[in-house]
């Protein structure tokens, strides 16, 4: 996924636009992940989803995946400093 913005459908069916922070592939899970946020907020929250080659988003299911995503995110933050 080589985009700067993505559209996400919320639980109410509304299409929302988010800024892509970064993407990464996991050899461990064989899945692709995207981290994104609402760039219009003063203190945005970072979200993560699994995505496929067609750009479809899927929820992250397991606590192990969330732990791995958090580790990658923390590495990203430490590299930015």
N, C-alpha and C. Protein backbone atom coordinates (compact mmCIF):
# COMPACT_ATOMS: atom_id res chain seq x y z
N UNK A 1 0.87 -1.17 0.00
CA UNK A 1 0.00 0.00 0.00
C UNK A 1 0.91 1.22 0.00
N UNK A 2 0.81 1.99 -1.07
CA UNK A 2 1.65 3.16 -1.21
C UNK A 2 0.77 4.39 -1.37
N UNK A 3 0.03 4.72 -0.30
CA UNK A 3 -0.88 5.85 -0.33
C UNK A 3 -0.66 6.71 0.91
N UNK A 4 -1.10 7.94 0.84
CA UNK A 4 -0.98 8.84 1.98
C UNK A 4 -2.26 8.92 2.79
N UNK A 5 -3.39 8.58 2.16
CA UNK A 5 -4.69 8.64 2.84
C UNK A 5 -5.48 7.36 2.51
N UNK A 6 -6.33 6.98 3.45
CA UNK A 6 -7.22 5.84 3.23
C UNK A 6 -8.63 6.22 3.68
N UNK A 7 -9.60 5.53 3.14
CA UNK A 7 -10.98 5.70 3.55
C UNK A 7 -11.39 4.48 4.37
N UNK A 8 -12.03 4.77 5.50
CA UNK A 8 -12.46 3.72 6.42
C UNK A 8 -13.96 3.90 6.64
N UNK A 9 -14.70 2.81 6.61
CA UNK A 9 -16.13 2.84 6.91
C UNK A 9 -16.31 2.54 8.39
N UNK A 10 -16.95 3.47 9.11
CA UNK A 10 -17.15 3.25 10.55
C UNK A 10 -18.36 2.35 10.79
N UNK A 11 -18.65 2.09 12.06
CA UNK A 11 -19.73 1.18 12.43
C UNK A 11 -21.11 1.67 11.98
N UNK A 12 -21.23 2.99 11.74
CA UNK A 12 -22.50 3.56 11.31
C UNK A 12 -22.60 3.67 9.79
N UNK A 13 -21.58 3.16 9.07
CA UNK A 13 -21.60 3.21 7.62
C UNK A 13 -21.06 4.49 7.01
N UNK A 14 -20.51 5.37 7.84
CA UNK A 14 -19.93 6.62 7.35
C UNK A 14 -18.52 6.39 6.82
N UNK A 15 -18.20 7.03 5.70
CA UNK A 15 -16.85 6.92 5.14
C UNK A 15 -15.99 8.05 5.72
N UNK A 16 -14.91 7.67 6.37
CA UNK A 16 -14.00 8.63 7.00
C UNK A 16 -12.64 8.55 6.34
N UNK A 17 -11.96 9.69 6.24
CA UNK A 17 -10.63 9.71 5.64
C UNK A 17 -9.57 9.86 6.73
N UNK A 18 -8.53 9.03 6.63
CA UNK A 18 -7.43 9.05 7.60
C UNK A 18 -6.10 9.18 6.87
N UNK A 19 -5.12 9.73 7.58
CA UNK A 19 -3.75 9.81 7.07
C UNK A 19 -3.02 8.51 7.41
N UNK A 20 -2.28 7.98 6.46
CA UNK A 20 -1.49 6.77 6.69
C UNK A 20 -0.19 7.16 7.37
N UNK A 21 0.09 6.55 8.51
CA UNK A 21 1.34 6.78 9.22
C UNK A 21 2.44 5.93 8.59
N UNK A 22 2.21 4.63 8.49
CA UNK A 22 3.10 3.72 7.77
C UNK A 22 2.44 2.36 7.61
N UNK A 23 3.03 1.55 6.77
CA UNK A 23 2.58 0.17 6.56
C UNK A 23 3.76 -0.76 6.78
N UNK A 24 3.46 -2.01 7.09
CA UNK A 24 4.52 -3.02 7.20
C UNK A 24 3.95 -4.40 6.97
N UNK A 25 4.83 -5.30 6.54
CA UNK A 25 4.49 -6.71 6.37
C UNK A 25 5.09 -7.49 7.52
N UNK A 26 4.37 -8.48 8.00
CA UNK A 26 4.87 -9.34 9.06
C UNK A 26 5.18 -10.72 8.50
N UNK A 27 6.44 -11.11 8.60
CA UNK A 27 6.82 -12.47 8.19
C UNK A 27 6.18 -13.49 9.13
N UNK A 28 6.02 -13.10 10.39
CA UNK A 28 5.48 -13.99 11.42
C UNK A 28 4.03 -14.39 11.11
N UNK A 29 3.20 -13.40 10.72
CA UNK A 29 1.79 -13.69 10.47
C UNK A 29 1.47 -13.84 8.98
N UNK A 30 2.37 -13.35 8.13
CA UNK A 30 2.11 -13.38 6.69
C UNK A 30 1.08 -12.35 6.25
N UNK A 31 0.83 -11.35 7.11
CA UNK A 31 -0.17 -10.33 6.82
C UNK A 31 0.48 -8.96 6.64
N UNK A 32 -0.29 -8.05 6.04
CA UNK A 32 0.15 -6.68 5.84
C UNK A 32 -0.67 -5.79 6.78
N UNK A 33 -0.01 -4.82 7.39
CA UNK A 33 -0.66 -3.94 8.36
C UNK A 33 -0.49 -2.49 7.95
N UNK A 34 -1.50 -1.68 8.28
CA UNK A 34 -1.44 -0.24 8.06
C UNK A 34 -1.77 0.44 9.39
N UNK A 35 -0.99 1.47 9.73
CA UNK A 35 -1.27 2.30 10.89
C UNK A 35 -1.69 3.65 10.36
N UNK A 36 -2.78 4.18 10.89
CA UNK A 36 -3.36 5.42 10.36
C UNK A 36 -3.96 6.24 11.49
N UNK A 37 -4.23 7.53 11.19
CA UNK A 37 -4.72 8.46 12.20
C UNK A 37 -5.50 9.58 11.53
N UNK A 38 -6.27 10.31 12.33
CA UNK A 38 -7.00 11.47 11.84
C UNK A 38 -6.10 12.69 12.02
N UNK A 39 -5.50 13.15 10.94
CA UNK A 39 -4.55 14.25 10.98
C UNK A 39 -5.17 15.59 11.33
N UNK A 40 -6.50 15.67 11.37
CA UNK A 40 -7.15 16.93 11.70
C UNK A 40 -7.31 17.13 13.21
N UNK A 41 -7.10 16.09 13.98
CA UNK A 41 -7.23 16.20 15.44
C UNK A 41 -5.94 16.70 16.05
N UNK A 42 -6.06 17.47 17.12
CA UNK A 42 -4.89 18.01 17.80
C UNK A 42 -4.05 16.89 18.43
N UNK A 43 -4.73 15.91 19.03
CA UNK A 43 -4.04 14.75 19.61
C UNK A 43 -4.66 13.48 19.02
N UNK A 44 -4.22 13.12 17.82
CA UNK A 44 -4.86 11.97 17.15
C UNK A 44 -4.52 10.64 17.80
N UNK A 45 -5.46 9.71 17.66
CA UNK A 45 -5.25 8.33 18.08
C UNK A 45 -4.81 7.55 16.86
N UNK A 46 -3.87 6.63 17.06
CA UNK A 46 -3.39 5.79 15.96
C UNK A 46 -4.19 4.50 15.95
N UNK A 47 -4.66 4.12 14.75
CA UNK A 47 -5.42 2.89 14.54
C UNK A 47 -4.59 1.95 13.68
N UNK A 48 -4.95 0.68 13.71
CA UNK A 48 -4.26 -0.29 12.87
C UNK A 48 -5.27 -1.29 12.31
N UNK A 49 -5.01 -1.69 11.08
CA UNK A 49 -5.83 -2.70 10.42
C UNK A 49 -4.93 -3.59 9.57
N UNK A 50 -5.44 -4.74 9.25
CA UNK A 50 -4.81 -5.63 8.27
C UNK A 50 -5.34 -5.19 6.91
N UNK A 51 -4.52 -5.24 5.87
CA UNK A 51 -5.01 -4.93 4.53
C UNK A 51 -4.53 -5.98 3.54
N UNK A 52 -5.27 -6.09 2.42
CA UNK A 52 -4.90 -7.04 1.38
C UNK A 52 -4.41 -6.29 0.14
N UNK A 53 -4.04 -7.01 -0.89
CA UNK A 53 -3.50 -6.41 -2.11
C UNK A 53 -4.51 -5.51 -2.82
N UNK A 54 -5.80 -5.70 -2.56
CA UNK A 54 -6.83 -4.87 -3.17
C UNK A 54 -7.17 -3.65 -2.33
N UNK A 55 -6.49 -3.49 -1.19
CA UNK A 55 -6.72 -2.33 -0.33
C UNK A 55 -7.87 -2.48 0.64
N UNK A 56 -8.44 -3.68 0.76
CA UNK A 56 -9.51 -3.91 1.73
C UNK A 56 -8.91 -3.98 3.14
N UNK A 57 -9.60 -3.39 4.09
CA UNK A 57 -9.15 -3.39 5.49
C UNK A 57 -9.90 -4.44 6.29
N UNK A 58 -9.18 -5.06 7.23
CA UNK A 58 -9.74 -6.08 8.11
C UNK A 58 -9.28 -5.80 9.53
N UNK A 59 -10.10 -6.15 10.52
CA UNK A 59 -9.70 -5.90 11.91
C UNK A 59 -8.56 -6.81 12.35
N UNK A 60 -7.77 -6.30 13.27
CA UNK A 60 -6.73 -7.10 13.92
C UNK A 60 -7.45 -7.95 14.98
N UNK A 61 -7.22 -9.27 14.94
CA UNK A 61 -8.02 -10.18 15.75
C UNK A 61 -7.41 -10.60 17.08
N UNK A 62 -6.13 -10.80 17.11
CA UNK A 62 -5.56 -11.47 18.29
C UNK A 62 -4.71 -10.52 19.14
N UNK A 63 -4.64 -10.80 20.43
CA UNK A 63 -3.76 -10.01 21.31
C UNK A 63 -2.29 -10.11 20.88
N UNK A 64 -1.90 -11.25 20.33
CA UNK A 64 -0.51 -11.42 19.88
C UNK A 64 -0.20 -10.46 18.73
N UNK A 65 -1.16 -10.29 17.82
CA UNK A 65 -0.97 -9.34 16.72
C UNK A 65 -0.88 -7.92 17.26
N UNK A 66 -1.74 -7.57 18.21
CA UNK A 66 -1.69 -6.22 18.79
C UNK A 66 -0.35 -5.97 19.47
N UNK A 67 0.17 -6.98 20.16
CA UNK A 67 1.48 -6.83 20.81
C UNK A 67 2.57 -6.58 19.77
N UNK A 68 2.52 -7.32 18.65
CA UNK A 68 3.50 -7.17 17.59
C UNK A 68 3.39 -5.78 16.96
N UNK A 69 2.16 -5.32 16.71
CA UNK A 69 1.94 -3.99 16.13
C UNK A 69 2.46 -2.91 17.07
N UNK A 70 2.20 -3.06 18.35
CA UNK A 70 2.69 -2.09 19.34
C UNK A 70 4.21 -2.04 19.34
N UNK A 71 4.85 -3.19 19.24
CA UNK A 71 6.31 -3.24 19.20
C UNK A 71 6.85 -2.52 17.95
N UNK A 72 6.23 -2.76 16.80
CA UNK A 72 6.65 -2.09 15.56
C UNK A 72 6.41 -0.59 15.67
N UNK A 73 5.27 -0.18 16.23
CA UNK A 73 4.95 1.23 16.40
C UNK A 73 5.96 1.92 17.31
N UNK A 74 6.30 1.26 18.42
CA UNK A 74 7.28 1.84 19.34
C UNK A 74 8.65 1.97 18.69
N UNK A 75 9.03 1.01 17.87
CA UNK A 75 10.29 1.11 17.10
C UNK A 75 10.24 2.29 16.14
N UNK A 76 9.11 2.47 15.48
CA UNK A 76 8.92 3.59 14.57
C UNK A 76 9.09 4.91 15.31
N UNK A 77 8.47 5.01 16.51
CA UNK A 77 8.57 6.25 17.30
C UNK A 77 10.01 6.53 17.71
N UNK A 78 10.73 5.50 18.13
CA UNK A 78 12.10 5.71 18.57
C UNK A 78 13.02 6.11 17.41
N UNK A 79 12.71 5.66 16.20
CA UNK A 79 13.49 6.05 15.03
C UNK A 79 13.21 7.50 14.63
N UNK A 80 12.01 7.99 14.93
CA UNK A 80 11.61 9.35 14.57
C UNK A 80 12.25 10.39 15.49
N UNK A 81 12.68 9.98 16.68
CA UNK A 81 13.24 10.93 17.65
C UNK A 81 14.66 11.32 17.33
